[in-house]
Structures are given as structure tokens and as C-alpha cells.
Amino acid sequence: MKTSNNRNKETPIIAITSYAMVGDREKILAAGCTAYIEKLIDPESFIEELKRFL
């Protein structure tokens, strides 16, 4: 687990959904989420996506 002394660093919020509708990505990102991932999840791309925020 990584730790940081930077108290102003934002905590990423990643939405993961199994029931995606047209426009959901835009709504979720506009609501303040950092990222949006739809299921079916490819394990390799999922891990790479999460590494962007570590």
C-alpha cells in the first residue's frame, strides 16, 4: 500500500457498471467520477486502468 504526505491529493472515484445505457459515461463523469469502466471487464485492461490512479 502506498502512502502519501500530500493531504490535498484527491481520492479517485471509479464507477464500474454492468448495465450501461447511452449517455451514462457522460453523466457519471459530469457527476464527478474520475473514471468509468463498463463490464464485461478485461482483467488486463482493468488493472492498467486502475494503475493510472495509484
PDB file of N, CA and C in Angstrom:
ATOM      1  N   MET A   1       0.830  -1.174   0.000  1.00  0.00           N
ATOM      2  CA  MET A   1       0.000   0.000   0.000  1.00  0.00           C
ATOM      3  C   MET A   1       0.876   1.237   0.000  1.00  0.00           C
ATOM      4  N   LYS A   2       0.600   2.146  -0.909  1.00  0.00           N
ATOM      5  CA  LYS A   2       1.353   3.385  -0.981  1.00  0.00           C
ATOM      6  C   LYS A   2       0.740   4.414  -0.042  1.00  0.00           C
ATOM      7  N   THR A   3       1.605   5.202   0.567  1.00  0.00           N
ATOM      8  CA  THR A   3       1.115   6.290   1.397  1.00  0.00           C
ATOM      9  C   THR A   3       1.689   7.589   0.879  1.00  0.00           C
ATOM     10  N   SER A   4       1.041   8.675   1.239  1.00  0.00           N
ATOM     11  CA  SER A   4       1.477   9.971   0.753  1.00  0.00           C
ATOM     12  C   SER A   4       1.317  10.994   1.860  1.00  0.00           C
ATOM     13  N   ASN A   5       2.233  11.943   1.908  1.00  0.00           N
ATOM     14  CA  ASN A   5       2.117  13.045   2.847  1.00  0.00           C
ATOM     15  C   ASN A   5       1.329  14.193   2.245  1.00  0.00           C
ATOM     16  N   ASN A   6       0.931  14.077   0.989  1.00  0.00           N
ATOM     17  CA  ASN A   6       0.191  15.130   0.312  1.00  0.00           C
ATOM     18  C   ASN A   6      -1.281  15.019   0.690  1.00  0.00           C
ATOM     19  N   ARG A   7      -1.731  15.849   1.631  1.00  0.00           N
ATOM     20  CA  ARG A   7      -3.105  15.778   2.120  1.00  0.00           C
ATOM     21  C   ARG A   7      -4.099  16.383   1.130  1.00  0.00           C
ATOM     22  N   ASN A   8      -3.631  17.092   0.124  1.00  0.00           N
ATOM     23  CA  ASN A   8      -4.525  17.705  -0.852  1.00  0.00           C
ATOM     24  C   ASN A   8      -4.782  16.824  -2.063  1.00  0.00           C
ATOM     25  N   LYS A   9      -4.167  15.669  -2.104  1.00  0.00           N
ATOM     26  CA  LYS A   9      -4.351  14.764  -3.234  1.00  0.00           C
ATOM     27  C   LYS A   9      -5.778  14.230  -3.235  1.00  0.00           C
ATOM     28  N   GLU A  10      -6.423  14.273  -4.370  1.00  0.00           N
ATOM     29  CA  GLU A  10      -7.800  13.801  -4.470  1.00  0.00           C
ATOM     30  C   GLU A  10      -7.864  12.279  -4.511  1.00  0.00           C
ATOM     31  N   THR A  11      -8.902  11.742  -3.928  1.00  0.00           N
ATOM     32  CA  THR A  11      -9.156  10.310  -3.972  1.00  0.00           C
ATOM     33  C   THR A  11      -9.923  10.004  -5.255  1.00  0.00           C
ATOM     34  N   PRO A  12      -9.395   9.120  -6.104  1.00  0.00           N
ATOM     35  CA  PRO A  12     -10.104   8.817  -7.345  1.00  0.00           C
ATOM     36  C   PRO A  12     -11.401   8.051  -7.077  1.00  0.00           C
ATOM     37  N   ILE A  13     -12.426   8.380  -7.838  1.00  0.00           N
ATOM     38  CA  ILE A  13     -13.706   7.680  -7.774  1.00  0.00           C
ATOM     39  C   ILE A  13     -13.931   7.049  -9.135  1.00  0.00           C
ATOM     40  N   ILE A  14     -13.965   5.725  -9.175  1.00  0.00           N
ATOM     41  CA  ILE A  14     -14.086   4.999 -10.427  1.00  0.00           C
ATOM     42  C   ILE A  14     -15.415   4.257 -10.437  1.00  0.00           C
ATOM     43  N   ALA A  15     -16.278   4.627 -11.358  1.00  0.00           N
ATOM     44  CA  ALA A  15     -17.583   3.974 -11.491  1.00  0.00           C
ATOM     45  C   ALA A  15     -17.437   2.731 -12.358  1.00  0.00           C
ATOM     46  N   ILE A  16     -17.990   1.622 -11.853  1.00  0.00           N
ATOM     47  CA  ILE A  16     -17.990   0.366 -12.602  1.00  0.00           C
ATOM     48  C   ILE A  16     -19.441  -0.080 -12.706  1.00  0.00           C
ATOM     49  N   THR A  17     -19.901  -0.313 -13.919  1.00  0.00           N
ATOM     50  CA  THR A  17     -21.304  -0.665 -14.108  1.00  0.00           C
ATOM     51  C   THR A  17     -21.461  -1.873 -15.011  1.00  0.00           C
ATOM     52  N   SER A  18     -22.510  -2.622 -14.766  1.00  0.00           N
ATOM     53  CA  SER A  18     -22.802  -3.770 -15.627  1.00  0.00           C
ATOM     54  C   SER A  18     -23.995  -3.479 -16.535  1.00  0.00           C
ATOM     55  N   TYR A  19     -24.667  -2.378 -16.307  1.00  0.00           N
ATOM     56  CA  TYR A  19     -25.844  -2.042 -17.094  1.00  0.00           C
ATOM     57  C   TYR A  19     -25.672  -0.631 -17.644  1.00  0.00           C
ATOM     58  N   ALA A  20     -24.950  -0.514 -18.748  1.00  0.00           N
ATOM     59  CA  ALA A  20     -24.623   0.790 -19.312  1.00  0.00           C
ATOM     60  C   ALA A  20     -25.637   1.193 -20.376  1.00  0.00           C
ATOM     61  N   MET A  21     -26.091   2.413 -20.266  1.00  0.00           N
ATOM     62  CA  MET A  21     -27.023   2.981 -21.237  1.00  0.00           C
ATOM     63  C   MET A  21     -26.293   4.082 -22.000  1.00  0.00           C
ATOM     64  N   VAL A  22     -26.806   4.455 -23.147  1.00  0.00           N
ATOM     65  CA  VAL A  22     -26.232   5.545 -23.917  1.00  0.00           C
ATOM     66  C   VAL A  22     -26.243   6.806 -23.054  1.00  0.00           C
ATOM     67  N   GLY A  23     -25.115   7.465 -22.964  1.00  0.00           N
ATOM     68  CA  GLY A  23     -25.014   8.701 -22.196  1.00  0.00           C
ATOM     69  C   GLY A  23     -24.597   8.515 -20.749  1.00  0.00           C
ATOM     70  N   ASP A  24     -24.527   7.262 -20.272  1.00  0.00           N
ATOM     71  CA  ASP A  24     -24.149   7.021 -18.877  1.00  0.00           C
ATOM     72  C   ASP A  24     -22.745   7.528 -18.566  1.00  0.00           C
ATOM     73  N   ARG A  25     -21.797   7.263 -19.463  1.00  0.00           N
ATOM     74  CA  ARG A  25     -20.414   7.700 -19.228  1.00  0.00           C
ATOM     75  C   ARG A  25     -20.372   9.202 -18.992  1.00  0.00           C
ATOM     76  N   GLU A  26     -21.019   9.961 -19.843  1.00  0.00           N
ATOM     77  CA  GLU A  26     -21.002  11.412 -19.727  1.00  0.00           C
ATOM     78  C   GLU A  26     -21.655  11.874 -18.421  1.00  0.00           C
ATOM     79  N   LYS A  27     -22.770  11.255 -18.063  1.00  0.00           N
ATOM     80  CA  LYS A  27     -23.464  11.624 -16.820  1.00  0.00           C
ATOM     81  C   LYS A  27     -22.604  11.330 -15.598  1.00  0.00           C
ATOM     82  N   ILE A  28     -21.970  10.161 -15.603  1.00  0.00           N
ATOM     83  CA  ILE A  28     -21.156   9.754 -14.457  1.00  0.00           C
ATOM     84  C   ILE A  28     -19.932  10.647 -14.311  1.00  0.00           C
ATOM     85  N   LEU A  29     -19.264  10.944 -15.414  1.00  0.00           N
ATOM     86  CA  LEU A  29     -18.098  11.822 -15.341  1.00  0.00           C
ATOM     87  C   LEU A  29     -18.505  13.243 -14.953  1.00  0.00           C
ATOM     88  N   ALA A  30     -19.640  13.719 -15.452  1.00  0.00           N
ATOM     89  CA  ALA A  30     -20.134  15.046 -15.097  1.00  0.00           C
ATOM     90  C   ALA A  30     -20.499  15.129 -13.618  1.00  0.00           C
ATOM     91  N   ALA A  31     -20.883  14.000 -13.024  1.00  0.00           N
ATOM     92  CA  ALA A  31     -21.244  13.964 -11.610  1.00  0.00           C
ATOM     93  C   ALA A  31     -20.014  13.986 -10.703  1.00  0.00           C
ATOM     94  N   GLY A  32     -18.819  13.857 -11.298  1.00  0.00           N
ATOM     95  CA  GLY A  32     -17.600  13.976 -10.509  1.00  0.00           C
ATOM     96  C   GLY A  32     -16.734  12.742 -10.428  1.00  0.00           C
ATOM     97  N   CYS A  33     -17.123  11.660 -11.062  1.00  0.00           N
ATOM     98  CA  CYS A  33     -16.268  10.474 -11.062  1.00  0.00           C
ATOM     99  C   CYS A  33     -15.009  10.738 -11.871  1.00  0.00           C
ATOM    100  N   THR A  34     -13.940  10.105 -11.456  1.00  0.00           N
ATOM    101  CA  THR A  34     -12.655  10.237 -12.130  1.00  0.00           C
ATOM    102  C   THR A  34     -12.599   9.394 -13.396  1.00  0.00           C
ATOM    103  N   ALA A  35     -13.223   8.224 -13.347  1.00  0.00           N
ATOM    104  CA  ALA A  35     -13.189   7.296 -14.475  1.00  0.00           C
ATOM    105  C   ALA A  35     -14.466   6.468 -14.498  1.00  0.00           C
ATOM    106  N   TYR A  36     -14.672   5.813 -15.619  1.00  0.00           N
ATOM    107  CA  TYR A  36     -15.866   4.998 -15.840  1.00  0.00           C
ATOM    108  C   TYR A  36     -15.447   3.724 -16.555  1.00  0.00           C
ATOM    109  N   ILE A  37     -15.806   2.574 -16.008  1.00  0.00           N
ATOM    110  CA  ILE A  37     -15.456   1.289 -16.616  1.00  0.00           C
ATOM    111  C   ILE A  37     -16.734   0.466 -16.739  1.00  0.00           C
ATOM    112  N   GLU A  38     -16.980  -0.029 -17.951  1.00  0.00           N
ATOM    113  CA  GLU A  38     -18.150  -0.881 -18.188  1.00  0.00           C
ATOM    114  C   GLU A  38     -17.759  -2.346 -18.075  1.00  0.00           C
ATOM    115  N   LYS A  39     -18.674  -3.169 -17.571  1.00  0.00           N
ATOM    116  CA  LYS A  39     -18.474  -4.618 -17.597  1.00  0.00           C
ATOM    117  C   LYS A  39     -18.849  -5.102 -18.979  1.00  0.00           C
ATOM    118  N   LEU A  40     -18.440  -6.056 -19.477  1.00  0.00           N
ATOM    119  CA  LEU A  40     -17.540  -7.127 -19.155  1.00  0.00           C
ATOM    120  C   LEU A  40     -16.138  -6.542 -19.070  1.00  0.00           C
ATOM    121  N   ILE A  41     -15.464  -6.876 -17.999  1.00  0.00           N
ATOM    122  CA  ILE A  41     -14.155  -6.306 -17.735  1.00  0.00           C
ATOM    123  C   ILE A  41     -13.076  -7.267 -18.205  1.00  0.00           C
ATOM    124  N   ASP A  42     -12.166  -6.736 -19.004  1.00  0.00           N
ATOM    125  CA  ASP A  42     -10.978  -7.483 -19.389  1.00  0.00           C
ATOM    126  C   ASP A  42      -9.969  -7.291 -18.257  1.00  0.00           C
ATOM    127  N   PRO A  43      -9.548  -8.363 -17.585  1.00  0.00           N
ATOM    128  CA  PRO A  43      -8.671  -8.215 -16.418  1.00  0.00           C
ATOM    129  C   PRO A  43      -7.410  -7.394 -16.682  1.00  0.00           C
ATOM    130  N   GLU A  44      -6.789  -7.568 -17.837  1.00  0.00           N
ATOM    131  CA  GLU A  44      -5.560  -6.835 -18.123  1.00  0.00           C
ATOM    132  C   GLU A  44      -5.828  -5.336 -18.294  1.00  0.00           C
ATOM    133  N   SER A  45      -6.848  -4.983 -19.049  1.00  0.00           N
ATOM    134  CA  SER A  45      -7.115  -3.558 -19.240  1.00  0.00           C
ATOM    135  C   SER A  45      -7.667  -2.934 -17.958  1.00  0.00           C
ATOM    136  N   PHE A  46      -8.385  -3.711 -17.148  1.00  0.00           N
ATOM    137  CA  PHE A  46      -8.909  -3.210 -15.883  1.00  0.00           C
ATOM    138  C   PHE A  46      -7.763  -2.841 -14.941  1.00  0.00           C
ATOM    139  N   ILE A  47      -6.792  -3.707 -14.831  1.00  0.00           N
ATOM    140  CA  ILE A  47      -5.641  -3.434 -13.966  1.00  0.00           C
ATOM    141  C   ILE A  47      -4.863  -2.232 -14.473  1.00  0.00           C
ATOM    142  N   GLU A  48      -4.675  -2.135 -15.769  1.00  0.00           N
ATOM    143  CA  GLU A  48      -3.978  -0.974 -16.340  1.00  0.00           C
ATOM    144  C   GLU A  48      -4.733   0.316 -16.072  1.00  0.00           C
ATOM    145  N   GLU A  49      -6.050   0.278 -16.191  1.00  0.00           N
ATOM    146  CA  GLU A  49      -6.871   1.451 -15.914  1.00  0.00           C
ATOM    147  C   GLU A  49      -6.713   1.876 -14.451  1.00  0.00           C
ATOM    148  N   LEU A  50      -6.740   0.924 -13.541  1.00  0.00           N
ATOM    149  CA  LEU A  50      -6.593   1.254 -12.127  1.00  0.00           C
ATOM    150  C   LEU A  50      -5.202   1.786 -11.801  1.00  0.00           C
ATOM    151  N   LYS A  51      -4.168   1.265 -12.462  1.00  0.00           N
ATOM    152  CA  LYS A  51      -2.795   1.725 -12.208  1.00  0.00           C
ATOM    153  C   LYS A  51      -2.638   3.216 -12.515  1.00  0.00           C
ATOM    154  N   ARG A  52      -3.447   3.751 -13.399  1.00  0.00           N
ATOM    155  CA  ARG A  52      -3.368   5.192 -13.718  1.00  0.00           C
ATOM    156  C   ARG A  52      -3.634   6.051 -12.489  1.00  0.00           C
ATOM    157  N   PHE A  53      -4.338   5.507 -11.508  1.00  0.00           N
ATOM    158  CA  PHE A  53      -4.754   6.290 -10.347  1.00  0.00           C
ATOM    159  C   PHE A  53      -3.972   5.957  -9.080  1.00  0.00           C
ATOM    160  N   LEU A  54      -2.997   5.073  -9.166  1.00  0.00           N
ATOM    161  CA  LEU A  54      -2.184   4.704  -7.985  1.00  0.00           C
ATOM    162  C   LEU A  54      -0.948   5.556  -7.882  1.00  0.00           C
TER     163      LEU A  54
END
